[in-house]
Amino acid sequence: ENMAKETRLLSQLFGEDAGVATALLLEKVFDGVCRPLKGRLDQVLQHARQQAQAHLNDLAAAKRGASQREGTDAIRGTLYALCRILGHHARAFAAMAGPEAPLAAVVREASGEAANTLGLTLKEAYTKAAKAADATSSSSTSSSSSLAPTPALAEELRALAAMLSRPVEGIEGGEGS
């Protein structure tokens, strides 16, 4: 929103014909925001990574309880929302100030890091669920050739489907937009 206001202001000051110059000026205006924003985004992502790892460790050490399930779902939901929101803003900044603008690059990089963290979190959770399913099926005496997922894997898939179906507040198509 502020970037759009600054763009309008610069266009009014320097005229509509100064499109390229406006983009360069806009880049300079928001250049000072990049370092503090990058630092804060790094903190948020590091905290999310630590929470995700702590929950994975808790799940490995103990049986999964309802509160652990909710905590895991909340972390995944937060990472998913960060991916969507940061991706949206990276595209918006790139459209306004150019794809190589520092602000667009900072937000695009943070979006990628959030996506990687979410991907690793999901991969580790599904790997653990698959190992548990293999252990259950190898200890089972029946020679069932069913392709149905184990209850643990089915629960993980339901949680993932629920997370993906929730709208993300603050971006087009989500709540509050």
N, C-alpha and C. Protein backbone atom coordinates (compact mmCIF):
# COMPACT_ATOMS: atom_id res chain seq x y z
N GLU A 1 0.83 -1.19 0.00
CA GLU A 1 0.00 0.00 0.00
C GLU A 1 0.87 1.25 0.00
N ASN A 2 1.89 1.28 0.89
CA ASN A 2 2.77 2.45 0.94
C ASN A 2 3.57 2.60 -0.34
N MET A 3 3.94 1.45 -0.93
CA MET A 3 4.70 1.52 -2.17
C MET A 3 3.85 2.13 -3.29
N ALA A 4 2.57 1.79 -3.33
CA ALA A 4 1.66 2.36 -4.33
C ALA A 4 1.50 3.86 -4.11
N LYS A 5 1.40 4.27 -2.85
CA LYS A 5 1.29 5.71 -2.54
C LYS A 5 2.54 6.46 -2.97
N GLU A 6 3.70 5.88 -2.67
CA GLU A 6 4.97 6.51 -3.06
C GLU A 6 5.07 6.60 -4.58
N THR A 7 4.63 5.56 -5.28
CA THR A 7 4.66 5.56 -6.74
C THR A 7 3.79 6.69 -7.29
N ARG A 8 2.58 6.83 -6.74
CA ARG A 8 1.70 7.92 -7.19
C ARG A 8 2.32 9.29 -6.90
N LEU A 9 2.89 9.44 -5.72
CA LEU A 9 3.51 10.71 -5.35
C LEU A 9 4.67 11.04 -6.30
N LEU A 10 5.53 10.07 -6.55
CA LEU A 10 6.67 10.31 -7.44
C LEU A 10 6.20 10.59 -8.87
N SER A 11 5.15 9.91 -9.30
CA SER A 11 4.60 10.18 -10.64
C SER A 11 4.04 11.59 -10.73
N GLN A 12 3.39 12.04 -9.66
CA GLN A 12 2.86 13.41 -9.64
C GLN A 12 3.98 14.44 -9.64
N LEU A 13 5.04 14.15 -8.88
CA LEU A 13 6.14 15.09 -8.80
C LEU A 13 6.94 15.18 -10.10
N PHE A 14 7.18 14.03 -10.72
CA PHE A 14 8.06 13.98 -11.88
C PHE A 14 7.33 13.72 -13.20
N GLY A 15 6.03 13.60 -13.15
CA GLY A 15 5.25 13.42 -14.36
C GLY A 15 5.08 11.96 -14.73
N GLU A 16 4.06 11.70 -15.51
CA GLU A 16 3.75 10.34 -15.93
C GLU A 16 4.81 9.77 -16.86
N ASP A 17 5.54 10.63 -17.58
CA ASP A 17 6.53 10.16 -18.55
C ASP A 17 7.80 9.64 -17.87
N ALA A 18 7.93 9.88 -16.60
CA ALA A 18 9.15 9.49 -15.88
C ALA A 18 9.02 8.11 -15.26
N GLY A 19 8.46 7.15 -16.00
CA GLY A 19 8.23 5.80 -15.47
C GLY A 19 9.49 5.11 -15.00
N VAL A 20 10.53 5.12 -15.82
CA VAL A 20 11.79 4.46 -15.45
C VAL A 20 12.44 5.20 -14.29
N ALA A 21 12.45 6.52 -14.36
CA ALA A 21 13.03 7.30 -13.27
C ALA A 21 12.25 7.10 -11.98
N THR A 22 10.94 6.96 -12.08
CA THR A 22 10.11 6.73 -10.90
C THR A 22 10.47 5.40 -10.25
N ALA A 23 10.70 4.37 -11.07
CA ALA A 23 11.07 3.06 -10.53
C ALA A 23 12.41 3.15 -9.79
N LEU A 24 13.37 3.88 -10.35
CA LEU A 24 14.67 4.03 -9.69
C LEU A 24 14.54 4.83 -8.40
N LEU A 25 13.74 5.89 -8.42
CA LEU A 25 13.52 6.68 -7.21
C LEU A 25 12.82 5.85 -6.14
N LEU A 26 11.84 5.07 -6.58
CA LEU A 26 11.11 4.21 -5.65
C LEU A 26 12.05 3.20 -5.00
N GLU A 27 12.97 2.68 -5.79
CA GLU A 27 13.96 1.73 -5.27
C GLU A 27 14.80 2.41 -4.19
N LYS A 28 15.20 3.65 -4.43
CA LYS A 28 16.01 4.39 -3.45
C LYS A 28 15.21 4.70 -2.18
N VAL A 29 13.92 5.03 -2.35
CA VAL A 29 13.07 5.34 -1.20
C VAL A 29 12.98 4.14 -0.27
N PHE A 30 12.80 2.95 -0.83
CA PHE A 30 12.60 1.76 0.00
C PHE A 30 13.88 0.99 0.28
N ASP A 31 15.01 1.46 -0.23
CA ASP A 31 16.28 0.79 0.00
C ASP A 31 16.63 0.73 1.48
N GLY A 32 16.31 1.79 2.23
CA GLY A 32 16.61 1.84 3.65
C GLY A 32 15.80 0.85 4.49
N VAL A 33 14.73 0.34 3.93
CA VAL A 33 13.87 -0.61 4.65
C VAL A 33 14.43 -2.03 4.55
N CYS A 34 15.24 -2.27 3.53
CA CYS A 34 15.66 -3.64 3.22
C CYS A 34 16.42 -4.35 4.34
N ARG A 35 17.44 -3.71 4.89
CA ARG A 35 18.26 -4.39 5.90
C ARG A 35 17.45 -4.72 7.16
N PRO A 36 16.70 -3.77 7.74
CA PRO A 36 15.90 -4.14 8.92
C PRO A 36 14.82 -5.18 8.60
N LEU A 37 14.22 -5.07 7.42
CA LEU A 37 13.20 -6.06 7.03
C LEU A 37 13.82 -7.43 6.89
N LYS A 38 14.97 -7.52 6.25
CA LYS A 38 15.65 -8.80 6.09
C LYS A 38 15.99 -9.40 7.46
N GLY A 39 16.48 -8.57 8.36
CA GLY A 39 16.80 -9.06 9.70
C GLY A 39 15.58 -9.60 10.42
N ARG A 40 14.47 -8.89 10.32
CA ARG A 40 13.25 -9.34 11.00
C ARG A 40 12.68 -10.60 10.36
N LEU A 41 12.69 -10.66 9.04
CA LEU A 41 12.20 -11.87 8.36
C LEU A 41 13.08 -13.07 8.71
N ASP A 42 14.40 -12.86 8.78
CA ASP A 42 15.30 -13.95 9.18
C ASP A 42 14.97 -14.44 10.59
N GLN A 43 14.67 -13.50 11.51
CA GLN A 43 14.31 -13.89 12.88
C GLN A 43 13.03 -14.72 12.89
N VAL A 44 12.03 -14.28 12.16
CA VAL A 44 10.75 -14.99 12.12
C VAL A 44 10.94 -16.39 11.55
N LEU A 45 11.69 -16.50 10.46
CA LEU A 45 11.91 -17.81 9.84
C LEU A 45 12.75 -18.72 10.73
N GLN A 46 13.76 -18.16 11.39
CA GLN A 46 14.58 -18.96 12.30
C GLN A 46 13.73 -19.49 13.46
N HIS A 47 12.86 -18.64 13.99
CA HIS A 47 11.97 -19.07 15.07
C HIS A 47 11.04 -20.19 14.59
N ALA A 48 10.50 -20.04 13.40
CA ALA A 48 9.62 -21.07 12.84
C ALA A 48 10.38 -22.38 12.63
N ARG A 49 11.62 -22.29 12.15
CA ARG A 49 12.44 -23.51 11.97
C ARG A 49 12.68 -24.19 13.31
N GLN A 50 13.01 -23.40 14.33
CA GLN A 50 13.27 -23.97 15.66
C GLN A 50 12.02 -24.62 16.23
N GLN A 51 10.87 -23.97 16.07
CA GLN A 51 9.62 -24.56 16.56
C GLN A 51 9.31 -25.86 15.83
N ALA A 52 9.49 -25.85 14.52
CA ALA A 52 9.21 -27.04 13.73
C ALA A 52 10.12 -28.18 14.16
N GLN A 53 11.41 -27.90 14.36
CA GLN A 53 12.35 -28.94 14.77
C GLN A 53 12.02 -29.45 16.17
N ALA A 54 11.66 -28.55 17.07
CA ALA A 54 11.30 -28.96 18.44
C ALA A 54 10.08 -29.88 18.42
N HIS A 55 9.08 -29.55 17.60
CA HIS A 55 7.91 -30.41 17.52
C HIS A 55 8.23 -31.75 16.90
N LEU A 56 9.10 -31.77 15.90
CA LEU A 56 9.50 -33.05 15.31
C LEU A 56 10.25 -33.90 16.34
N ASN A 57 11.10 -33.26 17.14
CA ASN A 57 11.81 -33.99 18.19
C ASN A 57 10.84 -34.52 19.24
N ASP A 58 9.84 -33.69 19.62
CA ASP A 58 8.83 -34.13 20.58
C ASP A 58 8.06 -35.34 20.04
N LEU A 59 7.74 -35.29 18.77
CA LEU A 59 6.99 -36.40 18.17
C LEU A 59 7.83 -37.66 18.11
N ALA A 60 9.13 -37.52 17.91
CA ALA A 60 10.00 -38.68 17.87
C ALA A 60 10.18 -39.28 19.26
N ALA A 61 10.16 -38.44 20.29
CA ALA A 61 10.42 -38.90 21.66
C ALA A 61 9.19 -39.45 22.36
N ALA A 62 8.02 -39.00 21.97
CA ALA A 62 6.81 -39.40 22.69
C ALA A 62 5.70 -39.71 21.70
N LYS A 63 4.67 -40.33 22.22
CA LYS A 63 3.49 -40.56 21.38
C LYS A 63 2.83 -39.24 21.09
N ARG A 64 2.29 -39.15 19.93
CA ARG A 64 1.64 -37.92 19.49
C ARG A 64 0.33 -37.73 20.22
N GLY A 65 0.22 -36.62 20.92
CA GLY A 65 -1.02 -36.28 21.60
C GLY A 65 -1.76 -35.20 20.85
N ALA A 66 -2.96 -34.88 21.29
CA ALA A 66 -3.78 -33.88 20.61
C ALA A 66 -3.11 -32.50 20.63
N SER A 67 -2.48 -32.15 21.77
CA SER A 67 -1.85 -30.83 21.84
C SER A 67 -0.63 -30.76 20.92
N GLN A 68 0.12 -31.86 20.79
CA GLN A 68 1.25 -31.88 19.88
C GLN A 68 0.77 -31.77 18.43
N ARG A 69 -0.32 -32.43 18.11
CA ARG A 69 -0.88 -32.38 16.77
C ARG A 69 -1.28 -30.94 16.43
N GLU A 70 -1.94 -30.27 17.39
CA GLU A 70 -2.36 -28.88 17.17
C GLU A 70 -1.14 -27.97 17.02
N GLY A 71 -0.11 -28.20 17.81
CA GLY A 71 1.10 -27.39 17.70
C GLY A 71 1.78 -27.57 16.36
N THR A 72 1.87 -28.81 15.91
CA THR A 72 2.46 -29.09 14.60
C THR A 72 1.65 -28.45 13.49
N ASP A 73 0.34 -28.56 13.56
CA ASP A 73 -0.53 -27.96 12.55
C ASP A 73 -0.40 -26.44 12.56
N ALA A 74 -0.27 -25.84 13.74
CA ALA A 74 -0.13 -24.39 13.83
C ALA A 74 1.18 -23.93 13.18
N ILE A 75 2.27 -24.66 13.43
CA ILE A 75 3.56 -24.30 12.83
C ILE A 75 3.49 -24.42 11.31
N ARG A 76 2.94 -25.52 10.83
CA ARG A 76 2.81 -25.70 9.38
C ARG A 76 1.91 -24.62 8.78
N GLY A 77 0.82 -24.30 9.47
CA GLY A 77 -0.08 -23.25 8.99
C GLY A 77 0.61 -21.91 8.91
N THR A 78 1.43 -21.60 9.92
CA THR A 78 2.18 -20.34 9.92
C THR A 78 3.18 -20.30 8.77
N LEU A 79 3.90 -21.39 8.56
CA LEU A 79 4.86 -21.43 7.46
C LEU A 79 4.16 -21.31 6.11
N TYR A 80 3.02 -21.98 5.97
CA TYR A 80 2.27 -21.90 4.72
C TYR A 80 1.78 -20.47 4.47
N ALA A 81 1.26 -19.84 5.52
CA ALA A 81 0.80 -18.45 5.39
C ALA A 81 1.96 -17.53 5.03
N LEU A 82 3.12 -17.73 5.65
CA LEU A 82 4.30 -16.93 5.32
C LEU A 82 4.68 -17.10 3.85
N CYS A 83 4.66 -18.33 3.37
CA CYS A 83 4.98 -18.59 1.96
C CYS A 83 4.05 -17.81 1.04
N ARG A 84 2.76 -17.91 1.31
CA ARG A 84 1.77 -17.26 0.46
C ARG A 84 1.87 -15.74 0.54
N ILE A 85 1.94 -15.20 1.75
CA ILE A 85 1.97 -13.75 1.93
C ILE A 85 3.27 -13.15 1.36
N LEU A 86 4.40 -13.76 1.69
CA LEU A 86 5.67 -13.23 1.19
C LEU A 86 5.76 -13.36 -0.33
N GLY A 87 5.26 -14.46 -0.88
CA GLY A 87 5.25 -14.62 -2.33
C GLY A 87 4.40 -13.55 -3.00
N HIS A 88 3.24 -13.29 -2.42
CA HIS A 88 2.35 -12.25 -2.95
C HIS A 88 3.04 -10.89 -2.94
N HIS A 89 3.65 -10.55 -1.81
CA HIS A 89 4.30 -9.24 -1.69
C HIS A 89 5.55 -9.14 -2.57
N ALA A 90 6.27 -10.23 -2.73
CA ALA A 90 7.44 -10.21 -3.61
C ALA A 90 7.02 -9.90 -5.04
N ARG A 91 5.93 -10.52 -5.50
CA ARG A 91 5.43 -10.24 -6.85
C ARG A 91 4.94 -8.80 -6.97
N ALA A 92 4.26 -8.30 -5.94
CA ALA A 92 3.76 -6.93 -5.97
C ALA A 92 4.91 -5.92 -6.00
N PHE A 93 5.94 -6.13 -5.17
CA PHE A 93 7.09 -5.22 -5.15
C PHE A 93 7.84 -5.27 -6.48
N ALA A 94 7.98 -6.47 -7.03
CA ALA A 94 8.67 -6.60 -8.32
C ALA A 94 7.91 -5.88 -9.42
N ALA A 95 6.58 -5.95 -9.37
CA ALA A 95 5.77 -5.27 -10.39
C ALA A 95 5.89 -3.75 -10.27
N MET A 96 6.00 -3.25 -9.05
CA MET A 96 6.06 -1.80 -8.84
C MET A 96 7.45 -1.22 -9.02
N ALA A 97 8.46 -1.91 -8.49
CA ALA A 97 9.82 -1.34 -8.49
C ALA A 97 10.78 -2.10 -9.40
N GLY A 98 10.33 -3.16 -10.01
CA GLY A 98 11.19 -3.96 -10.87
C GLY A 98 11.65 -5.22 -10.17
N PRO A 99 11.86 -6.29 -10.93
CA PRO A 99 12.20 -7.59 -10.33
C PRO A 99 13.55 -7.60 -9.61
N GLU A 100 14.44 -6.71 -9.98
CA GLU A 100 15.76 -6.69 -9.34
C GLU A 100 15.85 -5.67 -8.20
N ALA A 101 14.75 -5.03 -7.87
CA ALA A 101 14.74 -4.06 -6.78
C ALA A 101 15.10 -4.77 -5.47
N PRO A 102 15.91 -4.14 -4.63
CA PRO A 102 16.34 -4.78 -3.38
C PRO A 102 15.17 -5.24 -2.50
N LEU A 103 14.13 -4.44 -2.40
CA LEU A 103 12.99 -4.82 -1.55
C LEU A 103 12.31 -6.08 -2.09
N ALA A 104 12.13 -6.14 -3.40
CA ALA A 104 11.53 -7.34 -4.01
C ALA A 104 12.43 -8.56 -3.79
N ALA A 105 13.74 -8.36 -3.92
CA ALA A 105 14.68 -9.47 -3.74
C ALA A 105 14.66 -9.99 -2.30
N VAL A 106 14.62 -9.09 -1.32
CA VAL A 106 14.61 -9.50 0.09
C VAL A 106 13.36 -10.33 0.39
N VAL A 107 12.21 -9.84 -0.06
CA VAL A 107 10.96 -10.55 0.23
C VAL A 107 10.89 -11.86 -0.56
N ARG A 108 11.37 -11.86 -1.79
CA ARG A 108 11.39 -13.09 -2.61
C ARG A 108 12.28 -14.15 -1.95
N GLU A 109 13.43 -13.73 -1.45
CA GLU A 109 14.35 -14.65 -0.77
C GLU A 109 13.70 -15.23 0.50
N ALA A 110 13.05 -14.38 1.27
CA ALA A 110 12.38 -14.85 2.50
C ALA A 110 11.24 -15.81 2.15
N SER A 111 10.53 -15.55 1.06
CA SER A 111 9.46 -16.44 0.62
C SER A 111 10.03 -17.82 0.28
N GLY A 112 11.16 -17.82 -0.42
CA GLY A 112 11.81 -19.09 -0.76
C GLY A 112 12.28 -19.85 0.47
N GLU A 113 12.82 -19.12 1.44
CA GLU A 113 13.27 -19.76 2.68
C GLU A 113 12.09 -20.35 3.46
N ALA A 114 10.98 -19.63 3.49
CA ALA A 114 9.78 -20.14 4.16
C ALA A 114 9.29 -21.40 3.46
N ALA A 115 9.29 -21.39 2.13
CA ALA A 115 8.85 -22.57 1.37
C ALA A 115 9.79 -23.75 1.62
N ASN A 116 11.10 -23.50 1.66
CA ASN A 116 12.05 -24.58 1.95
C ASN A 116 11.83 -25.15 3.34
N THR A 117 11.63 -24.27 4.32
CA THR A 117 11.40 -24.73 5.69
C THR A 117 10.12 -25.56 5.77
N LEU A 118 9.06 -25.09 5.13
CA LEU A 118 7.81 -25.86 5.11
C LEU A 118 8.02 -27.20 4.44
N GLY A 119 8.71 -27.20 3.32
CA GLY A 119 8.98 -28.45 2.60
C GLY A 119 9.77 -29.44 3.44
N LEU A 120 10.81 -28.95 4.12
CA LEU A 120 11.61 -29.84 4.97
C LEU A 120 10.79 -30.37 6.15
N THR A 121 9.96 -29.51 6.72
CA THR A 121 9.12 -29.92 7.84
C THR A 121 8.15 -31.02 7.41
N LEU A 122 7.52 -30.81 6.27
CA LEU A 122 6.59 -31.82 5.76
C LEU A 122 7.31 -33.11 5.40
N LYS A 123 8.47 -32.98 4.75
CA LYS A 123 9.23 -34.17 4.36
C LYS A 123 9.63 -35.00 5.57
N GLU A 124 10.12 -34.33 6.62
CA GLU A 124 10.52 -35.05 7.83
C GLU A 124 9.31 -35.73 8.49
N ALA A 125 8.20 -35.02 8.55
CA ALA A 125 7.00 -35.60 9.17
C ALA A 125 6.51 -36.82 8.39
N TYR A 126 6.49 -36.73 7.07
CA TYR A 126 6.01 -37.85 6.27
C TYR A 126 7.01 -39.00 6.25
N THR A 127 8.29 -38.69 6.33
CA THR A 127 9.30 -39.74 6.43
C THR A 127 9.12 -40.52 7.73
N LYS A 128 8.89 -39.80 8.82
CA LYS A 128 8.66 -40.46 10.11
C LYS A 128 7.37 -41.27 10.09
N ALA A 129 6.32 -40.74 9.47
CA ALA A 129 5.07 -41.48 9.37
C ALA A 129 5.25 -42.73 8.52
N ALA A 130 6.03 -42.63 7.44
CA ALA A 130 6.27 -43.79 6.58
C ALA A 130 7.09 -44.85 7.31
N LYS A 131 8.10 -44.42 8.08
CA LYS A 131 8.90 -45.37 8.86
C LYS A 131 8.04 -46.09 9.89
N ALA A 132 7.16 -45.32 10.54
CA ALA A 132 6.26 -45.94 11.52
C ALA A 132 5.33 -46.93 10.83
N ALA A 133 4.86 -46.59 9.64
CA ALA A 133 3.98 -47.49 8.89
C ALA A 133 4.72 -48.74 8.48
N ASP A 134 5.99 -48.60 8.04
CA ASP A 134 6.80 -49.77 7.67
C ASP A 134 7.02 -50.67 8.87
N ALA A 135 7.30 -50.06 10.03
CA ALA A 135 7.52 -50.85 11.24
C ALA A 135 6.25 -51.59 11.63
N THR A 136 5.10 -50.93 11.48
CA THR A 136 3.83 -51.55 11.81
C THR A 136 3.53 -52.69 10.85
N SER A 137 3.77 -52.47 9.55
CA SER A 137 3.43 -53.50 8.57
C SER A 137 4.40 -54.68 8.64
N SER A 138 5.68 -54.44 8.99
CA SER A 138 6.62 -55.54 9.08
C SER A 138 6.38 -56.38 10.34
N SER A 139 5.84 -55.77 11.38
CA SER A 139 5.56 -56.52 12.60
C SER A 139 4.21 -57.22 12.52
N SER A 140 3.41 -56.83 11.55
CA SER A 140 2.10 -57.44 11.37
C SER A 140 2.26 -58.83 10.77
N THR A 141 1.48 -59.78 11.25
CA THR A 141 1.58 -61.14 10.75
C THR A 141 0.73 -61.36 9.50
N SER A 142 -0.22 -60.47 9.25
CA SER A 142 -1.05 -60.65 8.06
C SER A 142 -0.29 -60.18 6.84
N SER A 143 -0.50 -60.81 5.74
CA SER A 143 0.18 -60.44 4.50
C SER A 143 -0.78 -59.64 3.63
N SER A 144 -1.30 -58.57 4.18
CA SER A 144 -2.24 -57.73 3.47
C SER A 144 -1.50 -56.92 2.41
N SER A 145 -2.06 -56.85 1.22
CA SER A 145 -1.44 -56.08 0.15
C SER A 145 -2.25 -54.82 -0.12
N SER A 146 -2.88 -54.31 0.91
CA SER A 146 -3.71 -53.12 0.78
C SER A 146 -2.86 -51.90 0.50
N LEU A 147 -3.35 -51.04 -0.37
CA LEU A 147 -2.66 -49.79 -0.66
C LEU A 147 -3.19 -48.63 0.16
N ALA A 148 -4.08 -48.92 1.10
CA ALA A 148 -4.65 -47.88 1.95
C ALA A 148 -3.56 -47.32 2.87
N PRO A 149 -3.56 -46.01 3.10
CA PRO A 149 -2.55 -45.43 4.00
C PRO A 149 -2.80 -45.86 5.44
N THR A 150 -1.74 -45.85 6.21
CA THR A 150 -1.87 -46.15 7.63
C THR A 150 -2.65 -45.03 8.29
N PRO A 151 -3.20 -45.27 9.48
CA PRO A 151 -3.92 -44.19 10.17
C PRO A 151 -3.06 -42.94 10.39
N ALA A 152 -1.77 -43.12 10.72
CA ALA A 152 -0.89 -41.96 10.96
C ALA A 152 -0.70 -41.16 9.67
N LEU A 153 -0.48 -41.85 8.56
CA LEU A 153 -0.30 -41.15 7.30
C LEU A 153 -1.60 -40.50 6.84
N ALA A 154 -2.72 -41.19 7.05
CA ALA A 154 -4.01 -40.59 6.70
C ALA A 154 -4.26 -39.32 7.50
N GLU A 155 -3.87 -39.33 8.79
CA GLU A 155 -4.02 -38.14 9.64
C GLU A 155 -3.15 -37.00 9.12
N GLU A 156 -1.90 -37.30 8.72
CA GLU A 156 -1.01 -36.28 8.16
C GLU A 156 -1.61 -35.69 6.88
N LEU A 157 -2.16 -36.53 6.03
CA LEU A 157 -2.74 -36.06 4.77
C LEU A 157 -3.98 -35.20 5.02
N ARG A 158 -4.81 -35.57 5.99
CA ARG A 158 -5.98 -34.74 6.33
C ARG A 158 -5.55 -33.37 6.85
N ALA A 159 -4.51 -33.36 7.69
CA ALA A 159 -4.01 -32.08 8.22
C ALA A 159 -3.45 -31.21 7.10
N LEU A 160 -2.74 -31.82 6.16
CA LEU A 160 -2.19 -31.06 5.03
C LEU A 160 -3.32 -30.50 4.15
N ALA A 161 -4.33 -31.32 3.88
CA ALA A 161 -5.46 -30.85 3.07
C ALA A 161 -6.19 -29.70 3.76
N ALA A 162 -6.35 -29.78 5.08
CA ALA A 162 -7.02 -28.71 5.82
C ALA A 162 -6.19 -27.43 5.76
N MET A 163 -4.88 -27.54 5.89
CA MET A 163 -4.01 -26.38 5.85
C MET A 163 -4.08 -25.70 4.47
N LEU A 164 -4.04 -26.50 3.42
CA LEU A 164 -4.05 -25.95 2.07
C LEU A 164 -5.40 -25.34 1.69
N SER A 165 -6.47 -25.77 2.34
CA SER A 165 -7.79 -25.26 1.99
C SER A 165 -8.14 -23.96 2.72
N ARG A 166 -7.38 -23.61 3.77
CA ARG A 166 -7.67 -22.38 4.52
C ARG A 166 -7.21 -21.16 3.74
N PRO A 167 -8.05 -20.12 3.66
CA PRO A 167 -7.58 -18.88 3.02
C PRO A 167 -6.56 -18.19 3.91
N VAL A 168 -5.67 -17.45 3.28
CA VAL A 168 -4.64 -16.73 4.01
C VAL A 168 -5.03 -15.26 4.06
N GLU A 169 -5.13 -14.74 5.27
CA GLU A 169 -5.54 -13.35 5.46
C GLU A 169 -4.47 -12.41 4.91
N GLY A 170 -4.92 -11.37 4.24
CA GLY A 170 -4.01 -10.34 3.78
C GLY A 170 -3.58 -10.46 2.33
N ILE A 171 -4.01 -11.51 1.63
CA ILE A 171 -3.68 -11.59 0.21
C ILE A 171 -4.94 -11.83 -0.58
N GLU A 172 -4.86 -11.53 -1.87
CA GLU A 172 -6.01 -11.63 -2.74
C GLU A 172 -6.60 -13.03 -2.67
N GLY A 173 -7.89 -13.10 -2.48
CA GLY A 173 -8.57 -14.39 -2.39
C GLY A 173 -8.64 -14.92 -0.98
N GLY A 174 -7.93 -14.30 -0.03
CA GLY A 174 -7.95 -14.73 1.36
C GLY A 174 -8.89 -13.88 2.16
N GLU A 175 -9.02 -14.18 3.44
CA GLU A 175 -9.89 -13.41 4.33
C GLU A 175 -9.34 -12.01 4.47
N GLY A 176 -10.19 -11.07 4.65
CA GLY A 176 -9.79 -9.71 4.94
C GLY A 176 -9.27 -8.93 3.75
N SER A 177 -9.40 -9.47 2.52
CA SER A 177 -8.91 -8.71 1.38
C SER A 177 -10.01 -7.98 0.68
